[in-house]
C-alpha cells in the first residue's frame, strides 16, 4: 500500500496529493476535484500519511498503512462503522482492526479521522496493496 504522496493539510478539510514542493509551501492537488493550488507553509502544516502512526499499548506505534491494510482485509466481514457512530461503537470497531491500540492515547477523533480517510481513499480506489503482487512474483 503506497501512501507516499498523500498528505493532510491543517486548516483544510480532506486529503490531498502533493504535486510539487516549493521553498515556502507545497502545490497540492485536491483528490476530489483534481484542482491544484498553493498552500503556504506559513499558514498550514503538512502531514504525510506515510508518517502517521497509531499508538499501541506496548509503547510503540503501528503505521497507518498497516491499519488501512487490516481494514481492507476485514472490509467484507467487518465493514467500518460510520464516523458519526457512538464512541463505544468506534472503540469496538477499532479494537477489532488493531487489537493492541492504546485506548488512552488514541482519541475518538483520531479513530473518526482514520475511518473517514480510509472510506475516502477506498471509494476513490486509491488503496491498492502492492505487497500481494510482490509476494506472487517471488
Protein backbone atom coordinates (compact mmCIF):
# COMPACT_ATOMS: atom_id res chain seq x y z
CA UNK A 1 0.00 0.00 0.00
CA UNK A 2 1.52 3.28 -1.09
CA UNK A 3 0.63 6.41 0.87
CA UNK A 4 3.74 8.33 -0.20
CA UNK A 5 2.23 11.42 -1.82
CA UNK A 6 -0.95 11.71 0.23
CA UNK A 7 -0.98 14.45 2.85
CA UNK A 8 -3.31 16.01 5.37
CA UNK A 9 -3.15 19.80 5.49
CA UNK A 10 -4.06 21.66 8.68
CA UNK A 11 -6.94 24.07 8.20
CA UNK A 12 -8.18 22.32 5.04
CA UNK A 13 -10.72 19.50 5.01
CA UNK A 14 -9.99 16.25 3.24
CA UNK A 15 -6.85 14.69 1.85
CA UNK A 16 -4.51 15.97 -0.81
CA UNK A 17 -1.80 14.73 -3.09
CA UNK A 18 1.50 16.57 -3.13
CA UNK A 19 2.05 17.82 -6.68
CA UNK A 20 5.21 19.89 -6.15
CA UNK A 21 7.42 21.21 -3.38
CA UNK A 22 8.28 24.90 -3.10
CA UNK A 23 10.55 26.63 -0.63
CA UNK A 24 7.64 28.40 1.06
CA UNK A 25 4.96 25.71 0.77
CA UNK A 26 3.51 22.96 -1.38
CA UNK A 27 1.48 22.71 -4.54
CA UNK A 28 -1.32 20.36 -3.51
CA UNK A 29 -3.93 18.57 -5.59
CA UNK A 30 -7.41 18.10 -4.18
CA UNK A 31 -8.23 14.40 -4.58
CA UNK A 32 -11.94 15.04 -5.04
CA UNK A 33 -11.74 17.78 -7.68
CA UNK A 34 -8.25 17.36 -9.14
CA UNK A 35 -7.63 21.08 -8.80
CA UNK A 36 -4.15 22.18 -7.83
CA UNK A 37 -3.38 25.09 -5.55
CA UNK A 38 -0.58 26.52 -3.47
CA UNK A 39 -0.62 26.01 0.30
CA UNK A 40 1.73 28.25 2.23
CA UNK A 41 3.98 26.74 4.90
CA UNK A 42 3.40 29.87 6.98
CA UNK A 43 -0.31 29.16 7.24
CA UNK A 44 -0.52 25.35 7.07
CA UNK A 45 1.17 22.29 8.48
CA UNK A 46 1.59 19.27 6.23
CA UNK A 47 1.40 15.70 7.49
CA UNK A 48 2.27 12.90 5.06
CA UNK A 49 0.01 9.90 5.65
CA UNK A 50 3.03 7.60 5.45
CA UNK A 51 4.43 9.25 8.59
CA UNK A 52 1.31 8.75 10.72
CA UNK A 53 1.34 6.02 13.33
CA UNK A 54 -1.29 4.74 15.74
CA UNK A 55 -0.13 4.29 19.34
CA UNK A 56 -0.13 0.74 20.64
CA UNK A 57 -0.19 -0.46 24.24
CA UNK A 58 3.40 -1.74 24.05
CA UNK A 59 4.68 1.87 23.77
CA UNK A 60 5.29 1.64 20.03
CA UNK A 61 3.25 2.73 17.02
CA UNK A 62 1.69 0.92 14.07
CA UNK A 63 1.94 2.55 10.66
CA UNK A 64 -1.27 3.89 9.15
CA UNK A 65 -0.79 1.73 6.05
CA UNK A 66 -0.92 -1.39 8.25
CA UNK A 67 -4.14 -0.17 9.86
CA UNK A 68 -5.58 0.52 6.38
CA UNK A 69 -4.47 -2.95 5.22
CA UNK A 70 -6.23 -4.52 8.23
CA UNK A 71 -9.36 -2.51 7.40
CA UNK A 72 -9.20 -3.68 3.76
CA UNK A 73 -8.72 -7.31 4.81
CA UNK A 74 -11.78 -7.18 7.07
CA UNK A 75 -13.89 -4.98 4.78
CA UNK A 76 -16.36 -7.69 3.73
CA UNK A 77 -16.67 -9.44 7.10
CA UNK A 78 -16.50 -6.33 9.26
CA UNK A 79 -17.12 -3.06 7.37
CA UNK A 80 -16.12 0.21 9.04
CA UNK A 81 -18.67 1.84 11.28
CA UNK A 82 -19.80 5.34 10.41
CA UNK A 83 -17.60 8.14 11.71
CA UNK A 84 -20.70 9.53 13.43
CA UNK A 85 -21.20 6.32 15.45
CA UNK A 86 -21.10 6.33 19.23
CA UNK A 87 -17.71 6.27 20.97
CA UNK A 88 -18.37 2.72 22.18
CA UNK A 89 -19.03 1.51 18.62
CA UNK A 90 -15.92 3.30 17.32
CA UNK A 91 -13.76 1.75 20.06
CA UNK A 92 -15.21 -1.72 19.43
CA UNK A 93 -14.55 -1.47 15.70
CA UNK A 94 -11.02 -0.16 16.16
CA UNK A 95 -10.21 -2.87 18.71
CA UNK A 96 -11.09 -5.47 16.06
CA UNK A 97 -8.93 -3.75 13.43
CA UNK A 98 -5.97 -3.06 15.75
CA UNK A 99 -6.48 -5.05 18.97
CA UNK A 100 -3.47 -3.60 20.78
CA UNK A 101 -4.12 0.10 20.14
CA UNK A 102 -3.55 2.33 23.17
CA UNK A 103 -7.02 3.31 24.38
CA UNK A 104 -5.62 6.16 26.49
CA UNK A 105 -3.60 7.86 23.74
CA UNK A 106 -5.75 7.20 20.66
CA UNK A 107 -8.67 9.58 20.89
CA UNK A 108 -12.15 9.15 19.42
CA UNK A 109 -11.37 12.00 17.00
CA UNK A 110 -8.33 10.06 15.75
CA UNK A 111 -10.43 6.96 15.13
CA UNK A 112 -13.03 9.02 13.25
CA UNK A 113 -10.32 10.58 11.10
CA UNK A 114 -8.80 7.18 10.25
CA UNK A 115 -12.23 5.83 9.28
CA UNK A 116 -13.02 8.92 7.15
CA UNK A 117 -9.65 8.75 5.40
CA UNK A 118 -9.99 5.02 4.77
CA UNK A 119 -13.50 5.36 3.34
CA UNK A 120 -12.47 8.29 1.16
CA UNK A 121 -9.34 6.61 -0.24
CA UNK A 122 -11.09 3.26 -0.67
CA UNK A 123 -14.05 4.80 -2.51
CA UNK A 124 -11.60 6.56 -4.86
CA UNK A 125 -9.81 3.23 -5.49
CA UNK A 126 -6.54 4.57 -4.11
CA UNK A 127 -5.92 1.83 -1.54
CA UNK A 128 -4.16 -0.79 -3.58
CA UNK A 129 -1.91 -3.28 -1.85
CA UNK A 130 1.43 -3.66 -3.60
CA UNK A 131 2.69 -6.35 -1.23
CA UNK A 132 0.47 -9.07 -2.71
CA UNK A 133 1.89 -8.59 -6.19
CA UNK A 134 5.49 -8.69 -4.95
CA UNK A 135 4.83 -11.85 -2.95
CA UNK A 136 3.36 -13.59 -6.01
CA UNK A 137 6.28 -12.57 -8.20
CA UNK A 138 8.78 -14.23 -5.86
